[in-house]
Amino acid sequence: MMTSDRQRAANRANAQRSTGPKSRAGKARASLNAYRHGLAARTEIGSDRGQRIDELARQLSNLMPGQISLAHARLIAQAEIDLSTARAAARTLMSQLCGPAPGCDSALGPGSLSDDDGRVGAVHELKMVERYVRRAQARRDRSIRLCLFGRGE
């Protein structure tokens, strides 16, 4: 289906109006979008994330000698570490909503969010974190397929 000239003109006009926030306050608010939960942030220098990735990559490479290169194992390990980080964030939010899971040493108790606004906010955050969990799972699975079968689709 081809886009009509009229539709293309309307799309261009809409694009000209959709340029993001104009006010200083709006720009400041929009600049915080990526900092909501920190999962998309680059890790700080000095964190042990790189060491954890290298260790897991070596373990994967040793489990499958000759079948997987260290570079491919590193891709899988990075995705797995991201996945475990996102899952930990989801567990923390669930703990805030429902109390700690059995066997969890979380200091948060049931109903630690005393107001409904806090619970609504935690549910919203949980939905965003779950999106990161799904993306990390897909990236890990794609990396595994790429390493084992030579294709990532």
Protein backbone atom coordinates (compact mmCIF):
# COMPACT_ATOMS: atom_id res chain seq x y z
CA MET A 1 0.00 0.00 0.00
CA MET A 2 1.47 3.29 -1.08
CA THR A 3 1.26 6.42 1.03
CA SER A 4 -0.65 9.19 -0.68
CA ASP A 5 0.83 12.64 -1.28
CA ARG A 6 -1.76 14.07 1.10
CA GLN A 7 -0.74 11.63 3.85
CA ARG A 8 2.98 12.35 3.32
CA ALA A 9 2.29 16.10 3.62
CA ALA A 10 0.31 15.54 6.83
CA ASN A 11 3.13 13.38 8.22
CA ARG A 12 5.69 16.09 7.46
CA ALA A 13 3.52 18.76 9.10
CA ASN A 14 3.09 16.61 12.22
CA ALA A 15 6.81 15.91 12.35
CA GLN A 16 7.54 19.64 12.33
CA ARG A 17 5.36 20.07 15.41
CA SER A 18 6.73 16.99 17.22
CA THR A 19 10.14 18.26 18.28
CA GLY A 20 10.05 17.46 21.99
CA PRO A 21 9.70 19.74 24.98
CA LYS A 22 10.31 23.44 24.50
CA SER A 23 10.40 24.77 28.05
CA ARG A 24 13.38 24.44 30.35
CA ALA A 25 11.26 22.46 32.85
CA GLY A 26 10.04 20.11 30.10
CA LYS A 27 13.57 19.49 28.87
CA ALA A 28 14.77 18.83 32.42
CA ARG A 29 11.92 16.35 33.00
CA ALA A 30 12.57 14.58 29.69
CA SER A 31 16.28 14.31 30.45
CA LEU A 32 15.45 12.11 33.45
CA ASN A 33 13.59 9.51 31.37
CA ALA A 34 16.59 7.19 31.11
CA TYR A 35 17.37 7.39 34.82
CA ARG A 36 14.11 5.91 36.15
CA HIS A 37 15.53 2.53 37.14
CA GLY A 38 19.09 2.58 35.82
CA LEU A 39 18.86 -0.61 33.75
CA ALA A 40 19.71 1.17 30.50
CA ALA A 41 22.54 3.16 32.04
CA ARG A 42 26.16 2.39 31.31
CA THR A 43 27.90 0.87 34.28
CA GLU A 44 30.21 3.00 36.33
CA ILE A 45 33.95 2.57 36.19
CA GLY A 46 35.20 0.30 38.92
CA SER A 47 32.13 -1.92 39.03
CA ASP A 48 32.64 -5.66 39.05
CA ARG A 49 30.32 -6.16 36.06
CA GLY A 50 33.20 -6.61 33.61
CA GLN A 51 34.83 -9.18 35.87
CA ARG A 52 31.55 -11.08 36.22
CA ILE A 53 31.09 -11.09 32.44
CA ASP A 54 34.66 -12.32 31.86
CA GLU A 55 34.30 -15.09 34.46
CA LEU A 56 30.99 -16.31 33.03
CA ALA A 57 32.38 -16.14 29.48
CA ARG A 58 35.36 -18.28 30.50
CA GLN A 59 33.02 -20.80 32.15
CA LEU A 60 30.85 -20.99 29.02
CA SER A 61 33.89 -21.33 26.78
CA ASN A 62 35.31 -24.11 28.99
CA LEU A 63 31.98 -25.97 28.99
CA MET A 64 31.99 -26.08 25.19
CA PRO A 65 35.66 -26.28 24.13
CA GLY A 66 36.09 -25.79 20.41
CA GLN A 67 32.38 -25.12 19.92
CA ILE A 68 32.20 -21.54 21.12
CA SER A 69 34.76 -18.76 20.94
CA LEU A 70 35.52 -16.58 23.92
CA ALA A 71 34.11 -13.57 22.02
CA HIS A 72 30.78 -15.34 21.46
CA ALA A 73 30.76 -16.56 25.06
CA ARG A 74 31.28 -12.98 26.15
CA LEU A 75 28.19 -11.86 24.19
CA ILE A 76 26.10 -14.52 25.91
CA ALA A 77 27.59 -13.69 29.31
CA GLN A 78 26.91 -9.97 28.93
CA ALA A 79 23.27 -10.65 28.05
CA GLU A 80 22.95 -13.09 30.97
CA ILE A 81 24.37 -10.56 33.44
CA ASP A 82 21.97 -7.91 32.11
CA LEU A 83 19.12 -10.39 32.47
CA SER A 84 20.02 -11.22 36.07
CA THR A 85 20.29 -7.50 36.89
CA ALA A 86 16.85 -6.81 35.42
CA ARG A 87 15.36 -9.80 37.26
CA ALA A 88 16.84 -8.55 40.53
CA ALA A 89 15.24 -5.14 39.94
CA ALA A 90 11.90 -6.86 39.28
CA ARG A 91 12.23 -8.89 42.50
CA THR A 92 12.92 -5.71 44.46
CA LEU A 93 9.81 -4.04 43.06
CA MET A 94 7.71 -7.15 43.73
CA SER A 95 9.03 -7.15 47.28
CA GLN A 96 7.90 -3.55 47.67
CA LEU A 97 4.45 -4.47 46.43
CA CYS A 98 3.88 -7.81 48.14
CA GLY A 99 6.54 -8.27 50.77
CA PRO A 100 9.68 -10.38 50.53
CA ALA A 101 9.58 -13.74 48.83
CA PRO A 102 10.11 -16.81 51.03
CA GLY A 103 13.80 -17.22 51.70
CA CYS A 104 14.53 -13.62 50.73
CA ASP A 105 16.49 -11.51 53.21
CA SER A 106 14.94 -8.23 52.05
CA ALA A 107 14.42 -5.62 54.75
CA LEU A 108 11.17 -4.53 53.13
CA GLY A 109 8.06 -5.99 54.66
CA PRO A 110 4.53 -6.45 53.35
CA GLY A 111 2.88 -3.16 52.63
CA SER A 112 6.13 -1.20 52.74
CA LEU A 113 4.50 1.19 50.32
CA SER A 114 1.92 2.79 52.56
CA ASP A 115 -0.05 4.80 50.02
CA ASP A 116 -1.87 3.81 46.86
CA ASP A 117 0.22 6.25 44.80
CA GLY A 118 3.35 4.39 45.86
CA ARG A 119 1.86 1.09 44.77
CA VAL A 120 0.69 2.50 41.45
CA GLY A 121 4.17 3.91 40.87
CA ALA A 122 5.77 0.57 41.76
CA VAL A 123 3.44 -1.27 39.36
CA HIS A 124 4.38 1.18 36.60
CA GLU A 125 8.09 0.70 37.35
CA LEU A 126 7.60 -3.08 37.38
CA LYS A 127 6.05 -2.94 33.91
CA MET A 128 9.06 -1.01 32.62
CA VAL A 129 11.51 -3.40 34.26
CA GLU A 130 9.66 -6.40 32.83
CA ARG A 131 10.21 -4.89 29.38
CA TYR A 132 13.95 -4.89 30.08
CA VAL A 133 13.73 -8.50 31.27
CA ARG A 134 12.10 -9.54 27.99
CA ARG A 135 14.65 -7.63 25.93
CA ALA A 136 17.57 -9.11 27.86
CA GLN A 137 16.12 -12.61 27.43
CA ALA A 138 15.72 -12.06 23.70
CA ARG A 139 19.27 -10.70 23.40
CA ARG A 140 20.67 -13.66 25.33
CA ASP A 141 18.71 -16.17 23.26
CA ARG A 142 19.75 -14.44 20.02
CA SER A 143 23.40 -14.58 21.13
CA ILE A 144 23.12 -18.28 21.89
CA ARG A 145 21.56 -19.02 18.49
CA LEU A 146 24.24 -16.94 16.79
CA CYS A 147 27.00 -18.84 18.58
CA LEU A 148 25.58 -22.31 18.11
CA PHE A 149 23.92 -22.10 14.72
CA GLY A 150 25.56 -19.09 13.08
CA ARG A 151 22.32 -17.10 12.87
CA GLY A 152 20.63 -14.74 15.30
CA GLU A 153 17.06 -14.63 14.03
